[in-house]
Full PDB file with SEQRES, HELIX, SHEET, SSBOND, CRYST1, ORIGX, SCALE, CONECT and MASTER records, all heavy atoms in Angstrom:
SEQRES   1 A   38  VAL VAL GLY ALA PHE PHE LEU ALA LEU ALA THR ALA MET          
SEQRES   2 A   38  GLY GLY GLY ILE ILE ARG ASP MET ILE LEU GLY VAL GLU          
SEQRES   3 A   38  SER SER THR PHE ASN ASP PRO TYR HIS LEU THR THR              
HELIX    1 AA1 VAL A    2  LEU A   23  1                                  22    
HELIX    2 AA2 PRO A   33  THR A   37  1                                   5    
CRYST1    1.000    1.000    1.000  90.00  90.00  90.00 P 1           1          
ORIGX1      1.000000  0.000000  0.000000        0.00000                         
ORIGX2      0.000000  1.000000  0.000000        0.00000                         
ORIGX3      0.000000  0.000000  1.000000        0.00000                         
SCALE1      1.000000  0.000000  0.000000        0.00000                         
SCALE2      0.000000  1.000000  0.000000        0.00000                         
SCALE3      0.000000  0.000000  1.000000        0.00000                         
ATOM      1  N   VAL A   1       0.824  -1.209   0.000  1.00  0.00           N  
ATOM      2  CA  VAL A   1       0.000   0.000   0.000  1.00  0.00           C  
ATOM      3  C   VAL A   1       0.862   1.265   0.000  1.00  0.00           C  
ATOM      4  O   VAL A   1       0.544   2.249  -0.676  1.00  0.00           O  
ATOM      5  CB  VAL A   1      -0.954   0.003   1.215  1.00  0.00           C  
ATOM      6  CG1 VAL A   1      -1.745   1.302   1.270  1.00  0.00           C  
ATOM      7  CG2 VAL A   1      -1.908  -1.175   1.139  1.00  0.00           C  
ATOM      8  N   VAL A   2       1.963   1.237   0.760  1.00  0.00           N  
ATOM      9  CA  VAL A   2       2.855   2.404   0.794  1.00  0.00           C  
ATOM     10  C   VAL A   2       3.488   2.615  -0.582  1.00  0.00           C  
ATOM     11  O   VAL A   2       3.561   3.747  -1.088  1.00  0.00           O  
ATOM     12  CB  VAL A   2       3.953   2.225   1.865  1.00  0.00           C  
ATOM     13  CG1 VAL A   2       4.940   3.390   1.809  1.00  0.00           C  
ATOM     14  CG2 VAL A   2       3.320   2.135   3.246  1.00  0.00           C  
ATOM     15  N   GLY A   3       3.925   1.538  -1.198  1.00  0.00           N  
ATOM     16  CA  GLY A   3       4.484   1.635  -2.536  1.00  0.00           C  
ATOM     17  C   GLY A   3       3.468   2.156  -3.528  1.00  0.00           C  
ATOM     18  O   GLY A   3       3.794   2.950  -4.422  1.00  0.00           O  
ATOM     19  N   ALA A   4       2.226   1.711  -3.366  1.00  0.00           N  
ATOM     20  CA  ALA A   4       1.154   2.163  -4.255  1.00  0.00           C  
ATOM     21  C   ALA A   4       0.941   3.667  -4.125  1.00  0.00           C  
ATOM     22  O   ALA A   4       0.739   4.366  -5.123  1.00  0.00           O  
ATOM     23  CB  ALA A   4      -0.142   1.423  -3.927  1.00  0.00           C  
ATOM     24  N   PHE A   5       1.006   4.171  -2.885  1.00  0.00           N  
ATOM     25  CA  PHE A   5       0.824   5.606  -2.672  1.00  0.00           C  
ATOM     26  C   PHE A   5       1.920   6.400  -3.372  1.00  0.00           C  
ATOM     27  O   PHE A   5       1.647   7.403  -4.037  1.00  0.00           O  
ATOM     28  CB  PHE A   5       0.818   5.926  -1.174  1.00  0.00           C  
ATOM     29  CG  PHE A   5       0.830   7.399  -0.885  1.00  0.00           C  
ATOM     30  CD1 PHE A   5      -0.328   8.144  -1.014  1.00  0.00           C  
ATOM     31  CD2 PHE A   5       1.999   8.045  -0.511  1.00  0.00           C  
ATOM     32  CE1 PHE A   5      -0.332   9.515  -0.763  1.00  0.00           C  
ATOM     33  CE2 PHE A   5       2.011   9.403  -0.251  1.00  0.00           C  
ATOM     34  CZ  PHE A   5       0.841  10.139  -0.389  1.00  0.00           C  
ATOM     35  N   PHE A   6       3.172   5.960  -3.240  1.00  0.00           N  
ATOM     36  CA  PHE A   6       4.270   6.706  -3.850  1.00  0.00           C  
ATOM     37  C   PHE A   6       4.239   6.617  -5.374  1.00  0.00           C  
ATOM     38  O   PHE A   6       4.581   7.581  -6.065  1.00  0.00           O  
ATOM     39  CB  PHE A   6       5.612   6.232  -3.295  1.00  0.00           C  
ATOM     40  CG  PHE A   6       5.931   6.824  -1.956  1.00  0.00           C  
ATOM     41  CD1 PHE A   6       5.803   6.080  -0.802  1.00  0.00           C  
ATOM     42  CD2 PHE A   6       6.337   8.151  -1.847  1.00  0.00           C  
ATOM     43  CE1 PHE A   6       6.078   6.630   0.450  1.00  0.00           C  
ATOM     44  CE2 PHE A   6       6.616   8.714  -0.608  1.00  0.00           C  
ATOM     45  CZ  PHE A   6       6.488   7.953   0.539  1.00  0.00           C  
ATOM     46  N   LEU A   7       3.808   5.469  -5.904  1.00  0.00           N  
ATOM     47  CA  LEU A   7       3.669   5.373  -7.353  1.00  0.00           C  
ATOM     48  C   LEU A   7       2.552   6.289  -7.839  1.00  0.00           C  
ATOM     49  O   LEU A   7       2.673   6.945  -8.882  1.00  0.00           O  
ATOM     50  CB  LEU A   7       3.379   3.926  -7.776  1.00  0.00           C  
ATOM     51  CG  LEU A   7       4.556   2.955  -7.795  1.00  0.00           C  
ATOM     52  CD1 LEU A   7       4.110   1.603  -8.328  1.00  0.00           C  
ATOM     53  CD2 LEU A   7       5.710   3.497  -8.645  1.00  0.00           C  
ATOM     54  N   ALA A   8       1.452   6.322  -7.089  1.00  0.00           N  
ATOM     55  CA  ALA A   8       0.338   7.198  -7.448  1.00  0.00           C  
ATOM     56  C   ALA A   8       0.765   8.660  -7.388  1.00  0.00           C  
ATOM     57  O   ALA A   8       0.463   9.455  -8.288  1.00  0.00           O  
ATOM     58  CB  ALA A   8      -0.848   6.957  -6.507  1.00  0.00           C  
ATOM     59  N   LEU A   9       1.499   9.019  -6.341  1.00  0.00           N  
ATOM     60  CA  LEU A   9       1.970  10.390  -6.171  1.00  0.00           C  
ATOM     61  C   LEU A   9       2.928  10.782  -7.298  1.00  0.00           C  
ATOM     62  O   LEU A   9       2.814  11.875  -7.880  1.00  0.00           O  
ATOM     63  CB  LEU A   9       2.674  10.527  -4.822  1.00  0.00           C  
ATOM     64  CG  LEU A   9       3.116  11.933  -4.411  1.00  0.00           C  
ATOM     65  CD1 LEU A   9       1.893  12.824  -4.165  1.00  0.00           C  
ATOM     66  CD2 LEU A   9       3.986  11.870  -3.157  1.00  0.00           C  
ATOM     67  N   ALA A  10       3.843   9.881  -7.632  1.00  0.00           N  
ATOM     68  CA  ALA A  10       4.822  10.168  -8.684  1.00  0.00           C  
ATOM     69  C   ALA A  10       4.150  10.330 -10.037  1.00  0.00           C  
ATOM     70  O   ALA A  10       4.471  11.240 -10.809  1.00  0.00           O  
ATOM     71  CB  ALA A  10       5.863   9.048  -8.743  1.00  0.00           C  
ATOM     72  N   THR A  11       3.192   9.457 -10.327  1.00  0.00           N  
ATOM     73  CA  THR A  11       2.525   9.494 -11.630  1.00  0.00           C  
ATOM     74  C   THR A  11       1.641  10.723 -11.765  1.00  0.00           C  
ATOM     75  O   THR A  11       1.625  11.386 -12.813  1.00  0.00           O  
ATOM     76  CB  THR A  11       1.671   8.230 -11.834  1.00  0.00           C  
ATOM     77  OG1 THR A  11       2.469   7.065 -11.593  1.00  0.00           O  
ATOM     78  CG2 THR A  11       1.120   8.174 -13.250  1.00  0.00           C  
ATOM     79  N   ALA A  12       0.899  11.038 -10.708  1.00  0.00           N  
ATOM     80  CA  ALA A  12      -0.064  12.134 -10.777  1.00  0.00           C  
ATOM     81  C   ALA A  12       0.584  13.509 -10.690  1.00  0.00           C  
ATOM     82  O   ALA A  12       0.079  14.474 -11.266  1.00  0.00           O  
ATOM     83  CB  ALA A  12      -1.100  11.976  -9.661  1.00  0.00           C  
ATOM     84  N   MET A  13       1.684  13.619  -9.971  1.00  0.00           N  
ATOM     85  CA  MET A  13       2.258  14.943  -9.709  1.00  0.00           C  
ATOM     86  C   MET A  13       3.684  15.128 -10.204  1.00  0.00           C  
ATOM     87  O   MET A  13       4.185  16.255 -10.248  1.00  0.00           O  
ATOM     88  CB  MET A  13       2.208  15.221  -8.199  1.00  0.00           C  
ATOM     89  CG  MET A  13       0.806  15.222  -7.651  1.00  0.00           C  
ATOM     90  SD  MET A  13       0.773  15.693  -5.905  1.00  0.00           S  
ATOM     91  CE  MET A  13      -0.993  15.663  -5.595  1.00  0.00           C  
ATOM     92  N   GLY A  14       4.337  14.048 -10.584  1.00  0.00           N  
ATOM     93  CA  GLY A  14       5.733  14.134 -10.988  1.00  0.00           C  
ATOM     94  C   GLY A  14       5.962  15.051 -12.174  1.00  0.00           C  
ATOM     95  O   GLY A  14       6.894  15.865 -12.178  1.00  0.00           O  
ATOM     96  N   GLY A  15       5.115  14.938 -13.196  1.00  0.00           N  
ATOM     97  CA  GLY A  15       5.273  15.763 -14.382  1.00  0.00           C  
ATOM     98  C   GLY A  15       5.122  17.242 -14.086  1.00  0.00           C  
ATOM     99  O   GLY A  15       5.886  18.081 -14.578  1.00  0.00           O  
ATOM    100  N   GLY A  16       4.138  17.578 -13.271  1.00  0.00           N  
ATOM    101  CA  GLY A  16       3.908  18.976 -12.901  1.00  0.00           C  
ATOM    102  C   GLY A  16       5.042  19.558 -12.082  1.00  0.00           C  
ATOM    103  O   GLY A  16       5.428  20.722 -12.257  1.00  0.00           O  
ATOM    104  N   ILE A  17       5.596  18.743 -11.196  1.00  0.00           N  
ATOM    105  CA  ILE A  17       6.709  19.206 -10.366  1.00  0.00           C  
ATOM    106  C   ILE A  17       7.937  19.490 -11.234  1.00  0.00           C  
ATOM    107  O   ILE A  17       8.597  20.524 -11.086  1.00  0.00           O  
ATOM    108  CB  ILE A  17       7.042  18.168  -9.282  1.00  0.00           C  
ATOM    109  CG1 ILE A  17       5.900  18.071  -8.268  1.00  0.00           C  
ATOM    110  CG2 ILE A  17       8.349  18.522  -8.568  1.00  0.00           C  
ATOM    111  CD1 ILE A  17       6.057  16.955  -7.261  1.00  0.00           C  
ATOM    112  N   ILE A  18       8.241  18.578 -12.154  1.00  0.00           N  
ATOM    113  CA  ILE A  18       9.388  18.776 -13.046  1.00  0.00           C  
ATOM    114  C   ILE A  18       9.180  20.013 -13.908  1.00  0.00           C  
ATOM    115  O   ILE A  18      10.090  20.824 -14.099  1.00  0.00           O  
ATOM    116  CB  ILE A  18       9.601  17.536 -13.931  1.00  0.00           C  
ATOM    117  CG1 ILE A  18       9.958  16.325 -13.078  1.00  0.00           C  
ATOM    118  CG2 ILE A  18      10.698  17.799 -14.965  1.00  0.00           C  
ATOM    119  CD1 ILE A  18      10.021  15.030 -13.854  1.00  0.00           C  
ATOM    120  N   ARG A  19       7.964  20.168 -14.428  1.00  0.00           N  
ATOM    121  CA  ARG A  19       7.646  21.345 -15.255  1.00  0.00           C  
ATOM    122  C   ARG A  19       7.896  22.633 -14.488  1.00  0.00           C  
ATOM    123  O   ARG A  19       8.528  23.564 -14.994  1.00  0.00           O  
ATOM    124  CB  ARG A  19       6.191  21.288 -15.703  1.00  0.00           C  
ATOM    125  CG  ARG A  19       5.704  22.516 -16.474  1.00  0.00           C  
ATOM    126  CD  ARG A  19       4.211  22.669 -16.329  1.00  0.00           C  
ATOM    127  NE  ARG A  19       3.823  22.930 -14.956  1.00  0.00           N  
ATOM    128  CZ  ARG A  19       2.707  22.454 -14.389  1.00  0.00           C  
ATOM    129  NH1 ARG A  19       1.859  21.719 -15.077  1.00  0.00           N  
ATOM    130  NH2 ARG A  19       2.438  22.741 -13.124  1.00  0.00           N  
ATOM    131  N   ASP A  20       7.402  22.695 -13.262  1.00  0.00           N  
ATOM    132  CA  ASP A  20       7.566  23.917 -12.465  1.00  0.00           C  
ATOM    133  C   ASP A  20       9.030  24.194 -12.147  1.00  0.00           C  
ATOM    134  O   ASP A  20       9.460  25.353 -12.112  1.00  0.00           O  
ATOM    135  CB  ASP A  20       6.750  23.804 -11.180  1.00  0.00           C  
ATOM    136  CG  ASP A  20       5.250  23.847 -11.433  1.00  0.00           C  
ATOM    137  OD1 ASP A  20       4.845  24.324 -12.508  1.00  0.00           O  
ATOM    138  OD2 ASP A  20       4.488  23.400 -10.555  1.00  0.00           O  
ATOM    139  N   MET A  21       9.800  23.142 -11.919  1.00  0.00           N  
ATOM    140  CA  MET A  21      11.230  23.322 -11.665  1.00  0.00           C  
ATOM    141  C   MET A  21      11.927  23.909 -12.900  1.00  0.00           C  
ATOM    142  O   MET A  21      12.749  24.822 -12.784  1.00  0.00           O  
ATOM    143  CB  MET A  21      11.872  21.981 -11.287  1.00  0.00           C  
ATOM    144  CG  MET A  21      11.464  21.457  -9.923  1.00  0.00           C  
ATOM    145  SD  MET A  21      12.134  19.797  -9.592  1.00  0.00           S  
ATOM    146  CE  MET A  21      13.892  20.128  -9.639  1.00  0.00           C  
ATOM    147  N   ILE A  22      11.580  23.394 -14.070  1.00  0.00           N  
ATOM    148  CA  ILE A  22      12.201  23.881 -15.300  1.00  0.00           C  
ATOM    149  C   ILE A  22      11.776  25.318 -15.593  1.00  0.00           C  
ATOM    150  O   ILE A  22      12.595  26.146 -16.023  1.00  0.00           O  
ATOM    151  CB  ILE A  22      11.831  22.963 -16.482  1.00  0.00           C  
ATOM    152  CG1 ILE A  22      12.494  21.591 -16.294  1.00  0.00           C  
ATOM    153  CG2 ILE A  22      12.251  23.582 -17.814  1.00  0.00           C  
ATOM    154  CD1 ILE A  22      12.101  20.573 -17.327  1.00  0.00           C  
ATOM    155  N   LEU A  23      10.515  25.628 -15.347  1.00  0.00           N  
ATOM    156  CA  LEU A  23      10.007  26.976 -15.602  1.00  0.00           C  
ATOM    157  C   LEU A  23      10.422  27.965 -14.518  1.00  0.00           C  
ATOM    158  O   LEU A  23      10.234  29.171 -14.662  1.00  0.00           O  
ATOM    159  CB  LEU A  23       8.481  26.955 -15.719  1.00  0.00           C  
ATOM    160  CG  LEU A  23       7.908  26.202 -16.929  1.00  0.00           C  
ATOM    161  CD1 LEU A  23       6.386  26.222 -16.887  1.00  0.00           C  
ATOM    162  CD2 LEU A  23       8.412  26.794 -18.241  1.00  0.00           C  
ATOM    163  N   GLY A  24      10.965  27.450 -13.421  1.00  0.00           N  
ATOM    164  CA  GLY A  24      11.447  28.321 -12.354  1.00  0.00           C  
ATOM    165  C   GLY A  24      10.360  28.953 -11.514  1.00  0.00           C  
ATOM    166  O   GLY A  24      10.509  30.085 -11.049  1.00  0.00           O  
ATOM    167  N   VAL A  25       9.263  28.211 -11.307  1.00  0.00           N  
ATOM    168  CA  VAL A  25       8.171  28.732 -10.481  1.00  0.00           C  
ATOM    169  C   VAL A  25       7.918  27.787  -9.314  1.00  0.00           C  
ATOM    170  O   VAL A  25       8.275  26.607  -9.352  1.00  0.00           O  
ATOM    171  CB  VAL A  25       6.877  28.897 -11.310  1.00  0.00           C  
ATOM    172  CG1 VAL A  25       7.078  29.924 -12.403  1.00  0.00           C  
ATOM    173  CG2 VAL A  25       6.419  27.569 -11.903  1.00  0.00           C  
ATOM    174  N   GLU A  26       7.297  28.319  -8.287  1.00  0.00           N  
ATOM    175  CA  GLU A  26       6.975  27.510  -7.113  1.00  0.00           C  
ATOM    176  C   GLU A  26       5.872  26.517  -7.454  1.00  0.00           C  
ATOM    177  O   GLU A  26       4.861  26.871  -8.049  1.00  0.00           O  
ATOM    178  CB  GLU A  26       6.516  28.407  -5.970  1.00  0.00           C  
ATOM    179  CG  GLU A  26       6.203  27.644  -4.692  1.00  0.00           C  
ATOM    180  CD  GLU A  26       5.738  28.553  -3.565  1.00  0.00           C  
ATOM    181  OE1 GLU A  26       5.730  29.785  -3.771  1.00  0.00           O  
ATOM    182  OE2 GLU A  26       5.393  28.032  -2.494  1.00  0.00           O  
ATOM    183  N   SER A  27       6.081  25.273  -7.094  1.00  0.00           N  
ATOM    184  CA  SER A  27       5.080  24.243  -7.345  1.00  0.00           C  
ATOM    185  C   SER A  27       4.015  24.278  -6.260  1.00  0.00           C  
ATOM    186  O   SER A  27       4.326  24.406  -5.072  1.00  0.00           O  
ATOM    187  CB  SER A  27       5.730  22.860  -7.385  1.00  0.00           C  
ATOM    188  OG  SER A  27       4.758  21.860  -7.599  1.00  0.00           O  
ATOM    189  N   SER A  28       2.776  24.164  -6.674  1.00  0.00           N  
ATOM    190  CA  SER A  28       1.663  24.194  -5.724  1.00  0.00           C  
ATOM    191  C   SER A  28       1.297  22.798  -5.225  1.00  0.00           C  
ATOM    192  O   SER A  28       0.374  22.642  -4.428  1.00  0.00           O  
ATOM    193  CB  SER A  28       0.434  24.830  -6.382  1.00  0.00           C  
ATOM    194  OG  SER A  28       0.023  24.056  -7.500  1.00  0.00           O  
ATOM    195  N   THR A  29       2.044  21.803  -5.666  1.00  0.00           N  
ATOM    196  CA  THR A  29       1.701  20.412  -5.364  1.00  0.00           C  
ATOM    197  C   THR A  29       1.502  20.161  -3.879  1.00  0.00           C  
ATOM    198  O   THR A  29       0.513  19.565  -3.458  1.00  0.00           O  
ATOM    199  CB  THR A  29       2.786  19.470  -5.898  1.00  0.00           C  
ATOM    200  OG1 THR A  29       2.861  19.613  -7.318  1.00  0.00           O  
ATOM    201  CG2 THR A  29       2.459  18.025  -5.559  1.00  0.00           C  
ATOM    202  N   PHE A  30       2.439  20.615  -3.066  1.00  0.00           N  
ATOM    203  CA  PHE A  30       2.380  20.312  -1.641  1.00  0.00           C  
ATOM    204  C   PHE A  30       1.764  21.452  -0.825  1.00  0.00           C  
ATOM    205  O   PHE A  30       1.693  21.372   0.402  1.00  0.00           O  
ATOM    206  CB  PHE A  30       3.781  19.981  -1.127  1.00  0.00           C  
ATOM    207  CG  PHE A  30       4.373  18.761  -1.776  1.00  0.00           C  
ATOM    208  CD1 PHE A  30       5.368  18.875  -2.738  1.00  0.00           C  
ATOM    209  CD2 PHE A  30       3.907  17.504  -1.453  1.00  0.00           C  
ATOM    210  CE1 PHE A  30       5.903  17.754  -3.348  1.00  0.00           C  
ATOM    211  CE2 PHE A  30       4.430  16.372  -2.057  1.00  0.00           C  
ATOM    212  CZ  PHE A  30       5.429  16.495  -3.009  1.00  0.00           C  
ATOM    213  N   ASN A  31       1.349  22.501  -1.513  1.00  0.00           N  
ATOM    214  CA  ASN A  31       0.672  23.600  -0.832  1.00  0.00           C  
ATOM    215  C   ASN A  31      -0.848  23.501  -0.941  1.00  0.00           C  
ATOM    216  O   ASN A  31      -1.555  24.258  -0.280  1.00  0.00           O  
ATOM    217  CB  ASN A  31       1.131  24.942  -1.416  1.00  0.00           C  
ATOM    218  CG  ASN A  31       2.604  25.212  -1.172  1.00  0.00           C  
ATOM    219  OD1 ASN A  31       3.132  24.800  -0.153  1.00  0.00           O  
ATOM    220  ND2 ASN A  31       3.252  25.882  -2.106  1.00  0.00           N  
ATOM    221  N   ASP A  32      -1.301  22.593  -1.774  1.00  0.00           N  
ATOM    222  CA  ASP A  32      -2.738  22.432  -2.002  1.00  0.00           C  
ATOM    223  C   ASP A  32      -3.193  21.096  -1.413  1.00  0.00           C  
ATOM    224  O   ASP A  32      -2.876  20.042  -1.965  1.00  0.00           O  
ATOM    225  CB  ASP A  32      -3.033  22.477  -3.504  1.00  0.00           C  
ATOM    226  CG  ASP A  32      -4.523  22.413  -3.811  1.00  0.00           C  
ATOM    227  OD1 ASP A  32      -5.313  22.142  -2.877  1.00  0.00           O  
ATOM    228  OD2 ASP A  32      -4.899  22.635  -4.966  1.00  0.00           O  
ATOM    229  N   PRO A  33      -3.907  21.115  -0.310  1.00  0.00           N  
ATOM    230  CA  PRO A  33      -4.307  19.856   0.338  1.00  0.00           C  
ATOM    231  C   PRO A  33      -5.243  19.008  -0.507  1.00  0.00           C  
ATOM    232  O   PRO A  33      -5.313  17.787  -0.337  1.00  0.00           O  
ATOM    233  CB  PRO A  33      -5.011  20.329   1.618  1.00  0.00           C  
ATOM    234  CG  PRO A  33      -5.475  21.713   1.300  1.00  0.00           C  
ATOM    235  CD  PRO A  33      -4.421  22.296   0.406  1.00  0.00           C  
ATOM    236  N   TYR A  34      -5.946  19.627  -1.452  1.00  0.00           N  
ATOM    237  CA  TYR A  34      -6.913  18.872  -2.249  1.00  0.00           C  
ATOM    238  C   TYR A  34      -6.228  17.915  -3.222  1.00  0.00           C  
ATOM    239  O   TYR A  34      -6.765  16.846  -3.537  1.00  0.00           O  
ATOM    240  CB  TYR A  34      -7.836  19.831  -2.999  1.00  0.00           C  
ATOM    241  CG  TYR A  34      -8.728  20.624  -2.072  1.00  0.00           C  
ATOM    242  CD1 TYR A  34      -8.501  21.972  -1.833  1.00  0.00           C  
ATOM    243  CD2 TYR A  34      -9.790  20.004  -1.400  1.00  0.00           C  
ATOM    244  CE1 TYR A  34      -9.305  22.696  -0.966  1.00  0.00           C  
ATOM    245  CE2 TYR A  34     -10.598  20.715  -0.531  1.00  0.00           C  
ATOM    246  CZ  TYR A  34     -10.356  22.056  -0.320  1.00  0.00           C  
ATOM    247  OH  TYR A  34     -11.139  22.771   0.553  1.00  0.00           O  
ATOM    248  N   HIS A  35      -5.053  18.281  -3.700  1.00  0.00           N  
ATOM    249  CA  HIS A  35      -4.335  17.378  -4.592  1.00  0.00           C  
ATOM    250  C   HIS A  35      -3.858  16.131  -3.842  1.00  0.00           C  
ATOM    251  O   HIS A  35      -4.020  15.006  -4.330  1.00  0.00           O  
ATOM    252  CB  HIS A  35      -3.151  18.099  -5.237  1.00  0.00           C  
ATOM    253  CG  HIS A  35      -3.529  18.964  -6.398  1.00  0.00           C  
ATOM    254  ND1 HIS A  35      -3.875  20.285  -6.256  1.00  0.00           N  
ATOM    255  CD2 HIS A  35      -3.649  18.696  -7.720  1.00  0.00           C  
ATOM    256  CE1 HIS A  35      -4.175  20.796  -7.433  1.00  0.00           C  
ATOM    257  NE2 HIS A  35      -4.051  19.856  -8.336  1.00  0.00           N  
ATOM    258  N   LEU A  36      -3.287  16.342  -2.671  1.00  0.00           N  
ATOM    259  CA  LEU A  36      -2.826  15.197  -1.886  1.00  0.00           C  
ATOM    260  C   LEU A  36      -4.003  14.349  -1.413  1.00  0.00           C  
ATOM    261  O   LEU A  36      -3.917  13.116  -1.378  1.00  0.00           O  
ATOM    262  CB  LEU A  36      -2.005  15.682  -0.691  1.00  0.00           C  
ATOM    263  CG  LEU A  36      -0.637  16.280  -1.024  1.00  0.00           C  
ATOM    264  CD1 LEU A  36       0.032  16.819   0.228  1.00  0.00           C  
ATOM    265  CD2 LEU A  36       0.257  15.241  -1.688  1.00  0.00           C  
ATOM    266  N   THR A  37      -5.107  15.010  -1.084  1.00  0.00           N  
ATOM    267  CA  THR A  37      -6.312  14.271  -0.696  1.00  0.00           C  
ATOM    268  C   THR A  37      -6.810  13.422  -1.854  1.00  0.00           C  
ATOM    269  O   THR A  37      -7.240  12.276  -1.663  1.00  0.00           O  
ATOM    270  CB  THR A  37      -7.428  15.253  -0.258  1.00  0.00           C  
ATOM    271  OG1 THR A  37      -6.963  16.018   0.851  1.00  0.00           O  
ATOM    272  CG2 THR A  37      -8.687  14.486   0.134  1.00  0.00           C  
ATOM    273  N   THR A  38      -6.737  13.963  -3.060  1.00  0.00           N  
ATOM    274  CA  THR A  38      -7.160  13.218  -4.243  1.00  0.00           C  
ATOM    275  C   THR A  38      -6.291  11.986  -4.451  1.00  0.00           C  
ATOM    276  O   THR A  38      -6.781  10.923  -4.847  1.00  0.00           O  
ATOM    277  CB  THR A  38      -7.098  14.121  -5.499  1.00  0.00           C  
ATOM    278  OG1 THR A  38      -7.939  15.254  -5.304  1.00  0.00           O  
ATOM    279  CG2 THR A  38      -7.551  13.366  -6.740  1.00  0.00           C  
TER     280      THR A  38                                                      
MASTER        0    0    0    2    0    0    0    6  279    1    0    3          
END                                                                             
């Protein structure tokens, strides 16, 4: 189950996090509780 959570987190948010890093902007991934809740 723990592995499943990290795979889900990586798949759902990994692309957005990388994009924000490249664009040089703050990622909202961990600032928005609704995404993690989802």
